[in-house]
Protein backbone atom coordinates (compact mmCIF):
# COMPACT_ATOMS: atom_id res chain seq x y z
CA UNK A 1 29.26 -119.22 4.89
CA UNK A 2 29.08 -116.16 2.87
CA UNK A 3 29.62 -118.80 0.25
CA UNK A 4 30.32 -119.17 -0.87
CA UNK A 5 29.19 -118.65 -0.34
CA UNK A 6 29.07 -118.23 -1.65
CA UNK A 7 29.86 -118.15 1.32
CA UNK A 8 28.20 -118.58 1.03
CA UNK A 9 27.65 -118.33 1.01
CA UNK A 10 27.32 -118.24 1.62
CA UNK A 11 28.90 -119.11 2.59
CA UNK A 12 30.30 -119.73 6.82
CA UNK A 13 33.47 -118.42 7.49
CA UNK A 14 35.35 -117.07 10.16
CA UNK A 15 37.64 -115.16 12.33
CA UNK A 16 40.86 -113.24 12.42
CA UNK A 17 44.22 -114.89 12.66
CA UNK A 18 46.86 -113.27 14.81
CA UNK A 19 50.51 -113.17 13.96
CA UNK A 20 53.11 -110.83 12.62
CA UNK A 21 50.58 -109.63 10.04
CA UNK A 22 48.91 -107.36 12.63
CA UNK A 23 49.07 -103.61 12.22
CA UNK A 24 49.22 -101.51 9.09
CA UNK A 25 51.40 -103.95 7.20
CA UNK A 26 53.28 -107.21 7.73
CA UNK A 27 57.01 -107.29 8.09
CA UNK A 28 58.52 -106.18 4.83
CA UNK A 29 55.11 -105.01 3.54
CA UNK A 30 54.63 -101.80 1.64
CA UNK A 31 52.43 -100.48 -1.09
CA UNK A 32 51.60 -102.58 -4.11
CA UNK A 33 53.94 -102.80 -7.03
CA UNK A 34 53.10 -100.98 -10.29
CA UNK A 35 49.51 -101.72 -11.27
CA UNK A 36 48.91 -103.86 -8.19
CA UNK A 37 46.26 -103.65 -5.48
CA UNK A 38 46.69 -104.31 -1.75
CA UNK A 39 43.56 -105.60 0.00
CA UNK A 40 43.16 -105.54 3.76
CA UNK A 41 41.70 -108.79 5.13
CA UNK A 42 41.02 -109.68 8.75
CA UNK A 43 42.24 -113.27 8.48
CA UNK A 44 44.29 -115.66 6.41
CA UNK A 45 42.43 -118.12 4.14
CA UNK A 46 41.98 -121.39 6.01
CA UNK A 47 42.13 -123.46 2.81
CA UNK A 48 43.16 -123.12 -0.83
CA UNK A 49 40.95 -126.01 -1.92
CA UNK A 50 37.76 -124.52 -3.46
CA UNK A 51 35.46 -127.48 -2.92
CA UNK A 52 35.85 -127.21 0.87
CA UNK A 53 36.03 -123.43 1.35
CA UNK A 54 33.48 -121.97 3.76
CA UNK A 55 35.46 -119.09 5.24
CA UNK A 56 34.67 -115.75 3.63
CA UNK A 57 38.33 -114.74 3.20
CA UNK A 58 39.15 -118.06 1.56
CA UNK A 59 36.25 -117.69 -0.88
CA UNK A 60 37.34 -114.14 -1.75
CA UNK A 61 40.81 -115.38 -2.72
CA UNK A 62 39.71 -118.57 -4.45
CA UNK A 63 37.20 -116.88 -6.76
CA UNK A 64 40.14 -114.97 -8.27
CA UNK A 65 42.03 -118.21 -8.96
CA UNK A 66 39.37 -120.65 -10.16
CA UNK A 67 36.70 -120.59 -12.86
CA UNK A 68 33.14 -121.90 -12.74
CA UNK A 69 30.89 -123.24 -15.47
CA UNK A 70 28.46 -120.35 -15.08
CA UNK A 71 28.81 -116.96 -13.40
CA UNK A 72 26.52 -114.36 -11.85
CA UNK A 73 26.49 -110.80 -13.15
CA UNK A 74 26.12 -107.72 -10.96
CA UNK A 75 22.33 -108.26 -10.89
CA UNK A 76 22.83 -111.92 -9.83
CA UNK A 77 21.58 -113.20 -13.19
CA UNK A 78 23.23 -116.34 -14.58
CA UNK A 79 25.68 -115.62 -17.41
CA UNK A 80 28.23 -117.79 -19.25
CA UNK A 81 31.47 -118.68 -17.54
CA UNK A 82 33.61 -121.60 -18.64
CA UNK A 83 30.43 -122.75 -20.33
CA UNK A 84 29.83 -120.60 -23.40
CA UNK A 85 26.22 -121.72 -23.85
CA UNK A 86 23.80 -124.38 -22.65
CA UNK A 87 20.65 -126.15 -23.73
CA UNK A 88 18.04 -127.86 -21.57
CA UNK A 89 15.91 -130.67 -22.98
CA UNK A 90 12.16 -130.16 -23.19
CA UNK A 91 11.53 -132.50 -20.26
CA UNK A 92 14.21 -130.77 -18.16
CA UNK A 93 16.27 -133.91 -17.60
CA UNK A 94 19.23 -133.31 -19.93
CA UNK A 95 21.48 -130.27 -19.70
CA UNK A 96 24.01 -129.90 -22.49
CA UNK A 97 26.93 -127.52 -21.89
CA UNK A 98 29.11 -126.12 -24.66
CA UNK A 99 32.51 -125.15 -23.25
CA UNK A 100 34.71 -122.22 -24.21
CA UNK A 101 37.59 -123.02 -26.50
CA UNK A 102 41.20 -122.08 -25.80
CA UNK A 103 40.90 -121.94 -22.00
CA UNK A 104 43.98 -123.05 -20.08
CA UNK A 105 44.84 -123.75 -16.47
CA UNK A 106 47.57 -121.81 -14.69
CA UNK A 107 50.05 -124.60 -15.45
CA UNK A 108 49.39 -124.17 -19.18
CA UNK A 109 47.38 -127.35 -19.66
CA UNK A 110 44.17 -127.18 -21.71
CA UNK A 111 40.77 -127.08 -20.04
CA UNK A 112 38.22 -129.42 -21.65
CA UNK A 113 35.25 -131.65 -20.99
CA UNK A 114 37.37 -134.32 -19.27
CA UNK A 115 38.17 -131.80 -16.53
CA UNK A 116 34.49 -130.92 -16.15
CA UNK A 117 33.46 -134.57 -15.90
CA UNK A 118 36.26 -135.30 -13.43
CA UNK A 119 35.36 -132.26 -11.28
CA UNK A 120 31.62 -132.90 -11.16
CA UNK A 121 32.04 -136.61 -10.52
CA UNK A 122 34.49 -136.01 -7.69
CA UNK A 123 32.32 -133.30 -6.09
CA UNK A 124 29.41 -135.75 -6.10
CA UNK A 125 31.44 -138.43 -4.31
CA UNK A 126 30.72 -138.46 -0.58
CA UNK A 127 34.35 -139.19 0.22
CA UNK A 128 35.40 -135.85 -1.27
CA UNK A 129 33.55 -133.91 1.43
CA UNK A 130 32.63 -131.09 -0.97
CA UNK A 131 30.54 -128.49 0.84
CA UNK A 132 28.29 -127.89 -2.19
CA UNK A 133 27.77 -131.52 -3.17
CA UNK A 134 24.03 -131.21 -2.55
CA UNK A 135 23.82 -128.66 -5.36
CA UNK A 136 24.45 -131.57 -7.74
CA UNK A 137 21.92 -133.90 -6.09
CA UNK A 138 19.81 -134.02 -9.26
CA UNK A 139 22.77 -135.08 -11.44
CA UNK A 140 22.73 -138.81 -12.11
CA UNK A 141 25.41 -138.94 -14.81
CA UNK A 142 28.05 -136.72 -16.44
CA UNK A 143 29.20 -137.50 -19.97
CA UNK A 144 31.88 -135.87 -22.14
CA UNK A 145 31.07 -136.90 -25.74
CA UNK A 146 33.75 -134.57 -27.15
CA UNK A 147 36.30 -132.10 -25.71
CA UNK A 148 33.95 -129.11 -25.85
CA UNK A 149 30.67 -130.74 -24.79
CA UNK A 150 29.41 -131.97 -21.42
CA UNK A 151 26.02 -133.61 -20.93
CA UNK A 152 24.41 -133.75 -17.49
CA UNK A 153 21.63 -136.27 -16.98
CA UNK A 154 19.24 -135.11 -14.27
CA UNK A 155 16.83 -137.16 -12.19
CA UNK A 156 14.22 -134.47 -12.88
CA UNK A 157 13.92 -130.77 -13.67
CA UNK A 158 16.25 -128.65 -11.52
CA UNK A 159 15.40 -124.95 -11.63
CA UNK A 160 18.41 -123.93 -9.56
CA UNK A 161 21.26 -125.87 -11.12
CA UNK A 162 22.59 -123.16 -13.46
CA UNK A 163 22.84 -120.66 -10.60
CA UNK A 164 24.44 -123.33 -8.39
CA UNK A 165 27.19 -123.95 -10.96
CA UNK A 166 28.36 -120.35 -10.45
CA UNK A 167 29.65 -121.08 -6.93
CA UNK A 168 33.42 -121.34 -6.41
CA UNK A 169 32.59 -124.40 -4.31
CA UNK A 170 31.84 -126.03 -7.69
CA UNK A 171 34.99 -124.68 -9.36
CA UNK A 172 36.52 -126.60 -12.23
CA UNK A 173 39.81 -128.35 -11.44
CA UNK A 174 42.22 -130.12 -13.71
CA UNK A 175 41.60 -133.85 -13.79
CA UNK A 176 45.29 -134.22 -12.87
CA UNK A 177 44.98 -132.28 -9.60
CA UNK A 178 43.98 -133.49 -6.15
CA UNK A 179 43.30 -131.83 -2.82
CA UNK A 180 46.87 -132.68 -1.81
CA UNK A 181 48.45 -131.07 -4.87
CA UNK A 182 46.41 -127.90 -4.35
CA UNK A 183 46.97 -127.56 -0.60
CA UNK A 184 49.75 -124.98 -0.87
CA UNK A 185 49.18 -123.49 -4.33
CA UNK A 186 46.49 -123.37 -7.01
CA UNK A 187 45.93 -124.39 -10.60
CA UNK A 188 42.80 -122.75 -11.89
CA UNK A 189 41.39 -120.95 -14.91
CA UNK A 190 40.67 -117.69 -13.07
CA UNK A 191 41.68 -114.11 -13.78
CA UNK A 192 44.66 -114.38 -11.42
CA UNK A 193 47.25 -117.04 -10.55
CA UNK A 194 48.94 -117.90 -7.27
CA UNK A 195 52.31 -116.22 -6.68
CA UNK A 196 53.38 -116.50 -3.03
CA UNK A 197 52.14 -116.75 0.52
CA UNK A 198 53.46 -115.75 3.93
CA UNK A 199 51.23 -117.56 6.45
CA UNK A 200 49.19 -115.20 8.63
CA UNK A 201 50.69 -112.24 6.77
CA UNK A 202 49.74 -112.14 3.10
CA UNK A 203 48.90 -114.01 -0.07
CA UNK A 204 49.84 -112.56 -3.46
CA UNK A 205 48.27 -113.32 -6.84
CA UNK A 206 49.42 -112.17 -10.28
CA UNK A 207 47.35 -111.38 -13.36
CA UNK A 208 46.59 -114.30 -15.67
CA UNK A 209 47.54 -112.91 -19.08
CA UNK A 210 45.80 -115.89 -20.70
CA UNK A 211 42.48 -115.46 -18.88
CA UNK A 212 39.59 -116.20 -21.25
CA UNK A 213 37.86 -112.95 -20.32
CA UNK A 214 40.94 -110.87 -21.09
CA UNK A 215 43.87 -110.10 -18.82
CA UNK A 216 42.92 -108.06 -15.71
CA UNK A 217 43.96 -104.42 -15.59
CA UNK A 218 45.68 -105.05 -12.25
CA UNK A 219 49.08 -106.69 -12.36
CA UNK A 220 48.65 -108.27 -8.93
CA UNK A 221 46.44 -108.66 -5.86
CA UNK A 222 47.90 -108.87 -2.38
CA UNK A 223 45.53 -109.94 0.38
CA UNK A 224 47.25 -108.56 3.48
CA UNK A 225 46.23 -109.90 6.88
CA UNK A 226 45.39 -107.13 9.37
CA UNK A 227 43.37 -108.70 12.18
CA UNK A 228 40.90 -105.91 12.94
CA UNK A 229 38.96 -103.48 10.81
CA UNK A 230 40.06 -100.38 12.72
CA UNK A 231 43.69 -101.14 11.88
CA UNK A 232 42.71 -101.59 8.24
CA UNK A 233 41.30 -98.05 8.27
CA UNK A 234 44.70 -96.80 9.46
CA UNK A 235 46.36 -98.77 6.66
CA UNK A 236 43.99 -97.19 4.11
CA UNK A 237 44.80 -93.74 5.45
CA UNK A 238 48.55 -94.36 5.23
CA UNK A 239 48.32 -95.84 1.72
CA UNK A 240 49.59 -99.27 2.77
CA UNK A 241 46.21 -100.73 1.79
CA UNK A 242 44.00 -99.57 -1.10
CA UNK A 243 40.92 -101.78 -0.80
CA UNK A 244 38.92 -103.47 1.97
CA UNK A 245 35.41 -104.68 2.70
CA UNK A 246 34.05 -103.80 6.15
CA UNK A 247 31.16 -105.35 8.08
CA UNK A 248 31.11 -102.86 10.93
CA UNK A 249 29.13 -99.70 10.03
CA UNK A 250 30.95 -97.71 12.74
CA UNK A 251 34.30 -98.54 11.16
CA UNK A 252 32.92 -97.63 7.74
CA UNK A 253 31.75 -94.26 9.05
CA UNK A 254 35.18 -93.61 10.56
CA UNK A 255 36.89 -94.51 7.29
CA UNK A 256 34.59 -92.29 5.24
CA UNK A 257 35.15 -89.35 7.57
CA UNK A 258 38.88 -89.67 6.94
CA UNK A 259 38.48 -89.41 3.17
CA UNK A 260 38.27 -93.10 2.23
CA UNK A 261 35.61 -93.84 -0.39
CA UNK A 262 32.84 -96.10 0.96
CA UNK A 263 30.23 -97.98 -1.10
CA UNK A 264 27.36 -99.50 0.89
CA UNK A 265 25.83 -102.69 -0.54
CA UNK A 266 22.89 -104.73 0.88
CA UNK A 267 23.74 -108.40 1.22
CA UNK A 268 21.95 -111.72 0.74
CA UNK A 269 23.98 -113.12 3.64
CA UNK A 270 22.11 -113.39 6.92
CA UNK A 271 22.92 -113.37 10.61
CA UNK A 272 21.42 -116.24 12.60
CA UNK A 273 21.52 -118.12 15.85
CA UNK A 274 21.85 -121.71 14.68
CA UNK A 275 20.16 -124.24 16.95
CA UNK A 276 21.28 -127.87 16.76
CA UNK A 277 18.02 -129.76 17.18
CA UNK A 278 19.91 -133.03 17.54
CA UNK A 279 21.45 -131.99 20.86
CA UNK A 280 19.47 -131.76 24.10
CA UNK A 281 17.77 -129.61 25.25
CA UNK A 282 17.41 -128.14 21.76
CA UNK A 283 15.89 -131.40 20.52
CA UNK A 284 12.64 -130.15 22.12
CA UNK A 285 10.76 -127.80 19.77
CA UNK A 286 9.30 -125.95 22.75
CA UNK A 287 12.80 -125.06 23.94
CA UNK A 288 13.70 -123.78 20.49
CA UNK A 289 10.47 -121.77 20.31
CA UNK A 290 11.23 -120.32 23.74
CA UNK A 291 14.58 -119.08 22.45
CA UNK A 292 12.96 -117.67 19.34
CA UNK A 293 10.30 -115.79 21.33
CA UNK A 294 12.83 -114.40 23.82
CA UNK A 295 14.86 -112.54 21.17
CA UNK A 296 14.12 -109.07 19.82
CA UNK A 297 15.82 -109.21 16.44
CA UNK A 298 15.66 -105.47 15.89
CA UNK A 299 17.45 -104.95 19.20
CA UNK A 300 20.24 -107.29 18.07
CA UNK A 301 20.51 -105.37 14.80
CA UNK A 302 20.50 -101.99 16.55
CA UNK A 303 23.04 -103.06 19.16
CA UNK A 304 25.48 -104.94 16.95
CA UNK A 305 25.18 -103.09 13.64
CA UNK A 306 23.77 -99.64 14.46
CA UNK A 307 20.46 -100.64 12.85
CA UNK A 308 22.19 -100.93 9.46
CA UNK A 309 20.16 -103.72 7.92
CA UNK A 310 16.76 -105.41 8.05
CA UNK A 311 15.21 -108.07 10.25
CA UNK A 312 14.93 -111.20 8.10
CA UNK A 313 13.25 -114.54 7.76
CA UNK A 314 15.03 -117.62 6.39
CA UNK A 315 15.11 -116.83 2.65
CA UNK A 316 16.87 -113.66 1.52
CA UNK A 317 16.79 -114.40 -2.24
CA UNK A 318 15.03 -111.31 -3.68
CA UNK A 319 12.40 -113.18 -5.71
CA UNK A 320 11.55 -115.52 -2.82
CA UNK A 321 12.21 -113.35 0.21
CA UNK A 322 10.57 -114.56 3.44
CA UNK A 323 8.21 -112.35 5.41
CA UNK A 324 9.95 -111.85 8.80
CA UNK A 325 6.55 -111.27 10.45
CA UNK A 326 5.28 -114.73 9.42
CA UNK A 327 6.73 -116.56 12.42
CA UNK A 328 5.80 -117.46 15.98
CA UNK A 329 6.45 -114.38 18.12
CA UNK A 330 7.17 -111.89 15.32
CA UNK A 331 7.78 -109.48 18.22
CA UNK A 332 9.69 -110.38 21.35
CA UNK A 333 7.41 -112.09 23.91
CA UNK A 334 9.21 -113.04 27.11
CA UNK A 335 6.02 -114.33 28.75
CA UNK A 336 5.44 -116.67 25.81
CA UNK A 337 9.06 -117.80 25.96
CA UNK A 338 8.62 -118.75 29.63
CA UNK A 339 5.40 -120.54 28.74
CA UNK A 340 7.23 -122.64 26.14
CA UNK A 341 9.98 -123.40 28.68
CA UNK A 342 7.39 -124.59 31.19
CA UNK A 343 5.78 -126.83 28.54
CA UNK A 344 9.22 -128.33 27.94
CA UNK A 345 9.69 -129.02 31.66
CA UNK A 346 12.18 -126.20 32.24
CA UNK A 347 10.08 -123.77 34.26
CA UNK A 348 13.13 -123.11 36.41
CA UNK A 349 15.24 -122.19 33.39
CA UNK A 350 17.96 -123.95 31.41
CA UNK A 351 21.50 -123.49 30.10
CA UNK A 352 22.82 -123.76 26.53
CA UNK A 353 26.28 -123.26 25.06
CA UNK A 354 27.05 -121.19 21.97
CA UNK A 355 30.12 -120.95 19.78
CA UNK A 356 31.07 -117.54 18.41
CA UNK A 357 33.67 -116.54 15.84
CA UNK A 358 35.75 -113.52 16.69
CA UNK A 359 37.29 -111.36 13.98
CA UNK A 360 36.03 -112.73 10.66
CA UNK A 361 33.03 -110.45 10.77
CA UNK A 362 32.96 -107.50 13.08
CA UNK A 363 29.54 -107.80 14.73
CA UNK A 364 29.71 -111.42 15.94
CA UNK A 365 30.61 -110.92 19.61
CA UNK A 366 28.25 -107.95 20.01
CA UNK A 367 25.43 -110.04 18.56
CA UNK A 368 26.22 -112.90 20.92
CA UNK A 369 26.36 -110.77 24.06
CA UNK A 370 23.10 -109.02 23.24
CA UNK A 371 21.34 -112.34 22.61
CA UNK A 372 22.85 -113.65 25.85
CA UNK A 373 21.39 -110.73 27.82
CA UNK A 374 17.95 -111.08 26.21
CA UNK A 375 17.75 -114.82 26.86
CA UNK A 376 18.72 -114.33 30.49
CA UNK A 377 15.54 -112.31 31.01
CA UNK A 378 13.55 -115.39 29.96
CA UNK A 379 15.46 -117.74 32.27
CA UNK A 380 17.81 -119.10 29.61
CA UNK A 381 21.52 -118.98 30.39
CA UNK A 382 23.74 -118.83 27.31
CA UNK A 383 27.39 -119.69 27.86
CA UNK A 384 29.55 -118.18 25.11
CA UNK A 385 32.62 -119.93 23.71
CA UNK A 386 34.51 -117.37 21.61
CA UNK A 387 36.82 -119.04 19.10
CA UNK A 388 39.33 -117.97 16.49
CA UNK A 389 38.49 -118.62 12.86
CA UNK A 390 40.02 -122.03 12.29
CA UNK A 391 38.69 -123.50 15.52
CA UNK A 392 35.21 -122.17 14.83
CA UNK A 393 35.15 -123.59 11.29
CA UNK A 394 36.33 -126.99 12.52
CA UNK A 395 33.64 -127.11 15.20
CA UNK A 396 30.97 -125.80 12.84
CA UNK A 397 31.67 -128.25 10.01
CA UNK A 398 31.72 -131.13 12.51
CA UNK A 399 28.36 -129.94 13.98
CA UNK A 400 30.17 -129.91 17.32
CA UNK A 401 27.98 -127.30 19.01
CA UNK A 402 24.63 -126.82 20.68
CA UNK A 403 24.15 -123.44 19.08
CA UNK A 404 26.24 -121.05 17.00
CA UNK A 405 26.16 -117.35 16.21
CA UNK A 406 26.78 -117.27 12.47
CA UNK A 407 26.85 -115.13 9.37
CA UNK A 408 25.92 -117.39 6.45
CA UNK A 409 26.03 -116.61 2.76
CA UNK A 410 22.80 -116.17 0.87
CA UNK A 411 22.21 -117.15 -2.75
CA UNK A 412 19.88 -115.91 -5.47
CA UNK A 413 18.14 -119.29 -5.61
CA UNK A 414 16.66 -120.72 -2.39
CA UNK A 415 17.37 -124.33 -3.34
CA UNK A 416 21.06 -123.60 -3.61
CA UNK A 417 20.83 -121.59 -0.41
CA UNK A 418 19.18 -124.22 1.79
CA UNK A 419 18.86 -127.57 -0.01
CA UNK A 420 22.20 -128.71 1.40
CA UNK A 421 21.19 -127.68 4.93
CA UNK A 422 17.61 -128.67 5.55
CA UNK A 423 17.01 -131.82 3.48
CA UNK A 424 17.68 -135.18 5.10
CA UNK A 425 20.22 -136.03 2.38
CA UNK A 426 21.85 -132.59 2.31
CA UNK A 427 25.60 -132.76 2.84
CA UNK A 428 25.41 -130.01 5.51
CA UNK A 429 22.32 -131.36 7.25
CA UNK A 430 24.36 -132.41 10.28
CA UNK A 431 25.47 -128.77 10.59
CA UNK A 432 21.89 -127.52 10.18
CA UNK A 433 20.68 -129.89 12.88
CA UNK A 434 17.17 -130.15 11.48
CA UNK A 435 15.24 -131.84 8.67
CA UNK A 436 11.76 -133.28 8.16
CA UNK A 437 9.83 -135.26 5.56
CA UNK A 438 7.80 -132.10 4.93
CA UNK A 439 10.93 -130.12 4.06
CA UNK A 440 12.26 -132.95 1.89
CA UNK A 441 9.04 -132.86 -0.12
CA UNK A 442 8.95 -129.08 -0.40
CA UNK A 443 12.54 -128.77 -1.55
CA UNK A 444 11.93 -131.49 -4.15
CA UNK A 445 8.92 -129.54 -5.44
CA UNK A 446 10.85 -126.27 -5.52
CA UNK A 447 13.70 -127.80 -7.47
CA UNK A 448 11.35 -129.36 -10.04
CA UNK A 449 9.19 -126.25 -10.55
CA UNK A 450 10.15 -123.58 -13.08
CA UNK A 451 7.25 -121.14 -12.71
CA UNK A 452 8.40 -118.29 -10.39
CA UNK A 453 4.98 -117.76 -8.79
CA UNK A 454 4.60 -121.48 -8.03
CA UNK A 455 8.14 -121.61 -6.65
CA UNK A 456 7.49 -118.60 -4.42
CA UNK A 457 4.46 -120.34 -2.89
CA UNK A 458 6.53 -123.46 -2.27
CA UNK A 459 9.34 -121.56 -0.56
CA UNK A 460 6.83 -119.68 1.59
CA UNK A 461 5.90 -123.12 2.92
CA UNK A 462 9.60 -123.89 3.44
CA UNK A 463 9.96 -120.70 5.49
CA UNK A 464 6.89 -121.56 7.54
CA UNK A 465 8.19 -125.05 8.31
CA UNK A 466 11.56 -123.65 9.42
CA UNK A 467 10.10 -120.84 11.50
CA UNK A 468 7.26 -122.82 13.12
CA UNK A 469 9.78 -125.40 14.27
CA UNK A 470 12.41 -122.79 15.18
CA UNK A 471 15.04 -124.72 13.28
CA UNK A 472 17.25 -121.64 13.72
CA UNK A 473 16.59 -118.09 14.85
CA UNK A 474 17.01 -115.84 11.81
CA UNK A 475 18.08 -112.36 12.87
CA UNK A 476 18.90 -109.81 10.17
CA UNK A 477 20.55 -109.04 6.88
CA UNK A 478 23.13 -106.29 6.75
CA UNK A 479 25.44 -104.39 4.43
CA UNK A 480 29.01 -104.59 3.31
CA UNK A 481 31.01 -101.39 3.05
CA UNK A 482 33.58 -101.43 0.27
CA UNK A 483 36.44 -99.09 1.13
CA UNK A 484 38.81 -97.81 -1.54
CA UNK A 485 41.46 -95.15 -1.76
CA UNK A 486 40.85 -92.40 -4.37
CA UNK A 487 43.16 -94.01 -6.95
CA UNK A 488 41.03 -97.19 -7.16
CA UNK A 489 38.14 -97.43 -9.62
CA UNK A 490 36.09 -99.93 -11.62
CA UNK A 491 35.09 -102.30 -8.82
CA UNK A 492 31.43 -103.39 -8.66
CA UNK A 493 30.23 -104.72 -5.28
CA UNK A 494 27.76 -107.61 -5.37
CA UNK A 495 24.88 -108.57 -3.08
CA UNK A 496 26.32 -112.07 -2.64
CA UNK A 497 29.61 -110.64 -1.33
CA UNK A 498 31.62 -111.74 -4.35
CA UNK A 499 34.81 -109.88 -5.23
CA UNK A 500 34.58 -111.15 -8.81
CA UNK A 501 34.90 -107.66 -10.26
CA UNK A 502 38.45 -107.20 -8.98
CA UNK A 503 39.24 -108.48 -12.47
CA UNK A 504 37.88 -105.16 -13.82
CA UNK A 505 39.37 -102.89 -11.16
CA UNK A 506 42.10 -100.37 -11.94
CA UNK A 507 44.59 -98.27 -9.95
CA UNK A 508 45.48 -94.90 -11.45
CA UNK A 509 48.96 -93.39 -11.45
CA UNK A 510 50.82 -96.69 -11.30
């Protein structure tokens, strides 16, 4: 959900695992070996299979292990990845990719066009259950005319496809590998390779000396599970951990006061109350609008994140950013909320249930309890079901909820961000709980339009359709706080939450 992402985006992506990994270090844990980096993480990755990763911690690990056809630079511009160059036909329906030469997988086998064709074809298959399958909706055929060339035939122009190919959810796998063979290990083309794992304690990666971009400066990465951010601060102070990314601004302030270096980075990811419009009573637009009007988003931001962020509309992509005031009830209006409830036949109030992840991001429960209190003033009872990470992800992916408090990953292109959610054929439309013929048409126009000004106008209409129907209640965007000990340098935080630049990070004196 920050997917991935990323996580997205985002990425969605969730909470802390308990276990013997709690505290400053797991049993037997210490500082990193020479040239290595220890990273504090609040939960264990819930999968090592990149095509199904939605949890933020899983995405952060997998992007070190697997390569993508394109990448995003620190400004979120598309740059070459496993694809060295590309060419788009004049009519926008043929995309020819020229692959890098000499790239190998972790097992030593050669990466070539057969692996690209196999990966893209399998991601497109419904049976695979790939979370980013909708990003390839315009692809009608994949051909590999020679080992270094891949040709994608598109149903029409697709302005977002190059950015979409940068997601680890579209990582390139060997044609010999399956989800089963990669369940406990990895075999990618990334800057690091899998070394070992202690469930609920740590996962260790080692530098890939054959990485096409040059071997990383770090000899290893250890993602150490420490279930809460406050304990990670203690581990940073003691030197047991050298790197972490915090969501809680209060924790970041505490860490900085103790001498830990903090870098604050605005994020494309967004906090939202997801409403499942396929489940009563949320199938009534007036009920959803009542919920929307009953919530003061700034109050949620101030209460849960010390005001560190901005109230947001649906689209956080910088070039297409939604106007958060362009919505029904841009300011909280309890009287209007009660009016909508009465129109829906619930003048006496109603009850909804909400799932909440605890631990994966620090503000989740505080957000939920504040929303709960605000809705109560409008006659809406919100029953909270607080779940650990794995249980939340399972329920979320299965769309087994009336509503959900979520932190979802944003993307630089709005089609990649929302096409899989809010189109009727999107592979996460069941999770989104809402689609319409109007949205289907608008997303098709946005995908086929290259002119930025025309695209912006189209996505303004997308935002209006989502907000006017209260598909979800978009709350705010926030910051990440990258924490490093003084001996760590060279890391560049990114607005999409990626830890890609760990490949360029160094640790002095080791």
